[in-house]
Amino acid sequence: MAKVEKKAPQNKKGQINIDLPEDIADGVYSNLAIISHSQSEFVVDFIRLVPNVPKAKVKSRIILTPTHAKRLMKALNDNIKKYESIHGHVDEPEQFIPPMNFTPTAQA
């Protein structure tokens, strides 16, 4: 397969061509994100917890400026509102504490 090219929405200065390589286009599954920050940057670690595996792996780390972190937060809020208007309210637990070890509920 060839690379996928995406174009960002056109702005007053023109448009930005974005190259999306095939290996990145597949994405990475994550079921936990840990966010930390310093004075100059936000670090988001996307983690995959797997049942019966005592050690979780960071699958991707994204480092953002505070400005881009705030833009991302606004974009996520906007997309969640759009999602919920179509698919209904997304429930969330009051406090999520990742389990250290999953317990199998079925056998295959």
N, C-alpha and C. Protein backbone atom coordinates (compact mmCIF):
# COMPACT_ATOMS: atom_id res chain seq x y z
N MET A 1 0.83 -1.19 0.00
CA MET A 1 0.00 0.00 0.00
C MET A 1 0.87 1.25 0.00
N ALA A 2 0.36 2.28 -0.60
CA ALA A 2 1.09 3.54 -0.65
C ALA A 2 0.78 4.38 0.58
N LYS A 3 1.58 5.41 0.76
CA LYS A 3 1.35 6.33 1.86
C LYS A 3 0.04 7.08 1.63
N VAL A 4 -0.62 7.42 2.73
CA VAL A 4 -1.85 8.19 2.67
C VAL A 4 -1.49 9.65 2.90
N GLU A 5 -1.97 10.53 2.03
CA GLU A 5 -1.73 11.95 2.24
C GLU A 5 -3.02 12.60 2.68
N LYS A 6 -2.93 13.37 3.76
CA LYS A 6 -4.08 14.11 4.25
C LYS A 6 -3.79 15.58 4.11
N LYS A 7 -4.83 16.34 3.90
CA LYS A 7 -4.67 17.79 3.83
C LYS A 7 -5.46 18.41 4.97
N ALA A 8 -4.79 19.26 5.72
CA ALA A 8 -5.45 19.98 6.79
C ALA A 8 -6.39 21.01 6.17
N PRO A 9 -7.41 21.43 6.92
CA PRO A 9 -8.30 22.46 6.39
C PRO A 9 -7.50 23.69 5.98
N GLN A 10 -7.94 24.31 4.89
CA GLN A 10 -7.23 25.48 4.38
C GLN A 10 -7.43 26.66 5.32
N ASN A 11 -6.35 27.38 5.58
CA ASN A 11 -6.45 28.58 6.38
C ASN A 11 -6.02 29.77 5.54
N LYS A 12 -5.93 30.96 6.14
CA LYS A 12 -5.62 32.18 5.39
C LYS A 12 -4.24 32.12 4.75
N LYS A 13 -3.32 31.40 5.35
CA LYS A 13 -1.96 31.33 4.83
C LYS A 13 -1.80 30.24 3.78
N GLY A 14 -2.80 29.43 3.55
CA GLY A 14 -2.69 28.33 2.60
C GLY A 14 -3.07 27.03 3.26
N GLN A 15 -2.54 25.96 2.75
CA GLN A 15 -2.85 24.66 3.33
C GLN A 15 -1.59 23.91 3.70
N ILE A 16 -1.77 22.94 4.56
CA ILE A 16 -0.66 22.11 5.03
C ILE A 16 -0.88 20.71 4.49
N ASN A 17 0.11 20.17 3.82
CA ASN A 17 0.05 18.78 3.40
C ASN A 17 0.64 17.92 4.50
N ILE A 18 -0.11 16.90 4.90
CA ILE A 18 0.32 16.02 5.98
C ILE A 18 0.53 14.62 5.41
N ASP A 19 1.71 14.07 5.61
CA ASP A 19 2.04 12.73 5.16
C ASP A 19 1.72 11.75 6.29
N LEU A 20 0.91 10.73 6.01
CA LEU A 20 0.56 9.71 6.98
C LEU A 20 1.12 8.37 6.51
N PRO A 21 2.32 8.00 7.00
CA PRO A 21 2.91 6.73 6.56
C PRO A 21 2.03 5.53 6.94
N GLU A 22 2.12 4.50 6.15
CA GLU A 22 1.27 3.32 6.33
C GLU A 22 1.41 2.71 7.73
N ASP A 23 2.63 2.62 8.25
CA ASP A 23 2.82 2.00 9.56
C ASP A 23 2.20 2.84 10.69
N ILE A 24 2.08 4.13 10.50
CA ILE A 24 1.43 4.99 11.49
C ILE A 24 -0.08 4.98 11.30
N ALA A 25 -0.54 4.86 10.06
CA ALA A 25 -1.97 4.89 9.75
C ALA A 25 -2.74 3.76 10.44
N ASP A 26 -2.08 2.65 10.71
CA ASP A 26 -2.74 1.53 11.39
C ASP A 26 -3.12 1.88 12.82
N GLY A 27 -2.43 2.83 13.44
CA GLY A 27 -2.74 3.23 14.81
C GLY A 27 -2.19 2.25 15.83
N VAL A 28 -2.30 2.65 17.09
CA VAL A 28 -1.85 1.84 18.22
C VAL A 28 -2.97 1.84 19.25
N TYR A 29 -3.38 0.66 19.71
CA TYR A 29 -4.43 0.57 20.71
C TYR A 29 -3.88 0.90 22.10
N SER A 30 -4.64 1.70 22.84
CA SER A 30 -4.27 2.06 24.21
C SER A 30 -5.54 2.06 25.06
N ASN A 31 -5.44 1.53 26.28
CA ASN A 31 -6.59 1.57 27.18
C ASN A 31 -6.26 2.31 28.49
N LEU A 32 -5.17 3.06 28.47
CA LEU A 32 -4.79 3.88 29.62
C LEU A 32 -3.85 4.98 29.13
N ALA A 33 -4.04 6.18 29.63
CA ALA A 33 -3.11 7.28 29.32
C ALA A 33 -2.68 7.91 30.64
N ILE A 34 -1.41 8.20 30.74
CA ILE A 34 -0.87 8.88 31.92
C ILE A 34 -0.27 10.19 31.42
N ILE A 35 -0.67 11.28 32.07
CA ILE A 35 -0.24 12.61 31.64
C ILE A 35 0.60 13.24 32.74
N SER A 36 1.74 13.76 32.37
CA SER A 36 2.57 14.51 33.31
C SER A 36 3.00 15.79 32.61
N HIS A 37 3.52 16.72 33.38
CA HIS A 37 3.92 17.98 32.77
C HIS A 37 5.05 18.65 33.54
N SER A 38 5.74 19.50 32.83
CA SER A 38 6.74 20.38 33.42
C SER A 38 6.29 21.80 33.09
N GLN A 39 7.12 22.76 33.37
CA GLN A 39 6.76 24.14 33.07
C GLN A 39 6.61 24.37 31.56
N SER A 40 7.34 23.59 30.75
CA SER A 40 7.37 23.87 29.32
C SER A 40 6.73 22.82 28.43
N GLU A 41 6.30 21.67 29.00
CA GLU A 41 5.75 20.63 28.14
C GLU A 41 4.82 19.69 28.89
N PHE A 42 3.92 19.07 28.12
CA PHE A 42 3.04 18.01 28.62
C PHE A 42 3.51 16.72 27.96
N VAL A 43 3.56 15.66 28.74
CA VAL A 43 3.95 14.35 28.22
C VAL A 43 2.77 13.40 28.43
N VAL A 44 2.31 12.81 27.33
CA VAL A 44 1.19 11.87 27.38
C VAL A 44 1.72 10.50 26.99
N ASP A 45 1.67 9.56 27.93
CA ASP A 45 2.07 8.18 27.65
C ASP A 45 0.81 7.36 27.44
N PHE A 46 0.70 6.73 26.27
CA PHE A 46 -0.42 5.85 25.96
C PHE A 46 0.04 4.42 26.24
N ILE A 47 -0.73 3.74 27.08
CA ILE A 47 -0.33 2.44 27.62
C ILE A 47 -1.37 1.39 27.26
N ARG A 48 -0.92 0.17 27.07
CA ARG A 48 -1.83 -0.96 26.85
C ARG A 48 -1.71 -1.91 28.03
N LEU A 49 -2.82 -2.07 28.77
CA LEU A 49 -2.90 -3.07 29.83
C LEU A 49 -3.44 -4.35 29.23
N VAL A 50 -2.78 -5.46 29.49
CA VAL A 50 -3.18 -6.75 28.94
C VAL A 50 -3.49 -7.70 30.09
N PRO A 51 -4.60 -8.47 30.00
CA PRO A 51 -4.96 -9.40 31.07
C PRO A 51 -3.82 -10.37 31.41
N ASN A 52 -3.64 -10.59 32.69
CA ASN A 52 -2.68 -11.56 33.23
C ASN A 52 -1.22 -11.27 32.88
N VAL A 53 -0.93 -10.05 32.52
CA VAL A 53 0.45 -9.63 32.28
C VAL A 53 0.77 -8.58 33.34
N PRO A 54 1.71 -8.86 34.22
CA PRO A 54 1.95 -7.97 35.35
C PRO A 54 2.57 -6.63 34.98
N LYS A 55 3.11 -6.52 33.78
CA LYS A 55 3.79 -5.28 33.40
C LYS A 55 3.12 -4.70 32.16
N ALA A 56 2.62 -3.46 32.27
CA ALA A 56 2.01 -2.78 31.13
C ALA A 56 3.11 -2.10 30.31
N LYS A 57 2.83 -1.90 29.03
CA LYS A 57 3.82 -1.28 28.16
C LYS A 57 3.33 0.06 27.65
N VAL A 58 4.23 1.04 27.65
CA VAL A 58 3.94 2.31 26.99
C VAL A 58 4.06 2.04 25.49
N LYS A 59 2.97 2.29 24.77
CA LYS A 59 2.95 2.02 23.33
C LYS A 59 3.30 3.26 22.52
N SER A 60 3.08 4.44 23.11
CA SER A 60 3.41 5.67 22.41
C SER A 60 3.55 6.80 23.42
N ARG A 61 4.45 7.71 23.16
CA ARG A 61 4.63 8.89 24.02
C ARG A 61 4.55 10.12 23.11
N ILE A 62 3.68 11.04 23.51
CA ILE A 62 3.51 12.28 22.76
C ILE A 62 3.89 13.43 23.69
N ILE A 63 4.73 14.34 23.20
CA ILE A 63 5.16 15.49 23.98
C ILE A 63 4.59 16.74 23.31
N LEU A 64 3.89 17.55 24.10
CA LEU A 64 3.19 18.72 23.59
C LEU A 64 3.60 19.97 24.34
N THR A 65 3.52 21.11 23.67
CA THR A 65 3.66 22.38 24.38
C THR A 65 2.36 22.62 25.15
N PRO A 66 2.38 23.46 26.18
CA PRO A 66 1.13 23.76 26.89
C PRO A 66 0.03 24.29 25.96
N THR A 67 0.40 25.10 24.97
CA THR A 67 -0.58 25.62 24.02
C THR A 67 -1.23 24.50 23.22
N HIS A 68 -0.42 23.57 22.72
CA HIS A 68 -0.97 22.46 21.95
C HIS A 68 -1.76 21.50 22.83
N ALA A 69 -1.35 21.34 24.09
CA ALA A 69 -2.12 20.50 25.01
C ALA A 69 -3.51 21.08 25.21
N LYS A 70 -3.59 22.39 25.36
CA LYS A 70 -4.89 23.03 25.56
C LYS A 70 -5.74 22.91 24.29
N ARG A 71 -5.13 23.07 23.12
CA ARG A 71 -5.86 22.89 21.86
C ARG A 71 -6.37 21.46 21.72
N LEU A 72 -5.55 20.49 22.11
CA LEU A 72 -5.97 19.09 22.06
C LEU A 72 -7.15 18.86 22.99
N MET A 73 -7.08 19.42 24.20
CA MET A 73 -8.19 19.27 25.15
C MET A 73 -9.49 19.82 24.57
N LYS A 74 -9.43 21.00 23.95
CA LYS A 74 -10.63 21.59 23.34
C LYS A 74 -11.14 20.74 22.18
N ALA A 75 -10.23 20.23 21.37
CA ALA A 75 -10.63 19.41 20.23
C ALA A 75 -11.28 18.10 20.71
N LEU A 76 -10.71 17.49 21.76
CA LEU A 76 -11.31 16.26 22.31
C LEU A 76 -12.69 16.55 22.88
N ASN A 77 -12.84 17.64 23.62
CA ASN A 77 -14.16 18.01 24.17
C ASN A 77 -15.18 18.19 23.06
N ASP A 78 -14.80 18.88 22.00
CA ASP A 78 -15.69 19.11 20.87
C ASP A 78 -16.08 17.78 20.21
N ASN A 79 -15.11 16.89 20.01
CA ASN A 79 -15.40 15.61 19.37
C ASN A 79 -16.24 14.70 20.26
N ILE A 80 -16.04 14.75 21.56
CA ILE A 80 -16.86 13.95 22.47
C ILE A 80 -18.31 14.42 22.43
N LYS A 81 -18.51 15.74 22.41
CA LYS A 81 -19.88 16.28 22.30
C LYS A 81 -20.54 15.80 21.01
N LYS A 82 -19.81 15.85 19.91
CA LYS A 82 -20.35 15.38 18.63
C LYS A 82 -20.67 13.89 18.68
N TYR A 83 -19.76 13.11 19.26
CA TYR A 83 -19.96 11.66 19.39
C TYR A 83 -21.22 11.37 20.21
N GLU A 84 -21.35 12.04 21.36
CA GLU A 84 -22.49 11.80 22.25
C GLU A 84 -23.81 12.24 21.62
N SER A 85 -23.78 13.26 20.78
CA SER A 85 -25.02 13.69 20.12
C SER A 85 -25.52 12.63 19.14
N ILE A 86 -24.62 11.82 18.64
CA ILE A 86 -25.01 10.75 17.70
C ILE A 86 -25.22 9.42 18.42
N HIS A 87 -24.32 9.05 19.33
CA HIS A 87 -24.31 7.71 19.92
C HIS A 87 -24.80 7.65 21.36
N GLY A 88 -25.07 8.78 21.98
CA GLY A 88 -25.52 8.79 23.37
C GLY A 88 -24.38 9.03 24.34
N HIS A 89 -24.76 9.26 25.59
CA HIS A 89 -23.81 9.62 26.65
C HIS A 89 -22.78 8.52 26.88
N VAL A 90 -21.55 8.92 27.05
CA VAL A 90 -20.46 7.99 27.38
C VAL A 90 -20.32 7.99 28.90
N ASP A 91 -20.56 6.83 29.51
CA ASP A 91 -20.42 6.71 30.96
C ASP A 91 -18.95 6.62 31.33
N GLU A 92 -18.61 7.15 32.48
CA GLU A 92 -17.25 7.04 32.97
C GLU A 92 -17.29 6.75 34.46
N PRO A 93 -16.37 5.90 34.94
CA PRO A 93 -16.35 5.61 36.37
C PRO A 93 -15.94 6.86 37.15
N GLU A 94 -16.34 6.90 38.42
CA GLU A 94 -15.98 8.06 39.23
C GLU A 94 -14.48 8.21 39.37
N GLN A 95 -13.79 7.12 39.63
CA GLN A 95 -12.34 7.16 39.71
C GLN A 95 -11.82 5.86 39.14
N PHE A 96 -10.94 5.97 38.16
CA PHE A 96 -10.39 4.77 37.54
C PHE A 96 -9.02 4.49 38.12
N ILE A 97 -8.87 3.31 38.69
CA ILE A 97 -7.57 2.85 39.18
C ILE A 97 -7.25 1.60 38.38
N PRO A 98 -6.22 1.66 37.55
CA PRO A 98 -5.94 0.49 36.72
C PRO A 98 -5.59 -0.72 37.56
N PRO A 99 -6.18 -1.87 37.23
CA PRO A 99 -5.86 -3.08 37.98
C PRO A 99 -4.43 -3.52 37.71
N MET A 100 -3.80 -4.07 38.72
CA MET A 100 -2.44 -4.55 38.54
C MET A 100 -2.44 -5.90 37.84
N ASN A 101 -3.55 -6.63 37.94
CA ASN A 101 -3.64 -7.92 37.29
C ASN A 101 -5.10 -8.22 36.98
N PHE A 102 -5.40 -8.51 35.73
CA PHE A 102 -6.74 -8.88 35.35
C PHE A 102 -7.01 -10.33 35.80
N THR A 103 -8.27 -10.64 36.06
CA THR A 103 -8.66 -12.00 36.38
C THR A 103 -9.43 -12.56 35.19
N PRO A 104 -9.04 -13.72 34.68
CA PRO A 104 -9.77 -14.26 33.53
C PRO A 104 -11.21 -14.59 33.92
N THR A 105 -12.15 -14.28 33.01
CA THR A 105 -13.55 -14.56 33.28
C THR A 105 -14.08 -15.69 32.42
N ALA A 106 -13.31 -16.12 31.45
CA ALA A 106 -13.74 -17.22 30.57
C ALA A 106 -12.52 -17.95 30.05
N GLN A 107 -12.77 -19.15 29.58
CA GLN A 107 -11.69 -19.94 28.99
C GLN A 107 -12.02 -20.21 27.53
N ALA A 108 -11.00 -20.27 26.72
CA ALA A 108 -11.24 -20.55 25.29
C ALA A 108 -10.63 -21.88 24.94
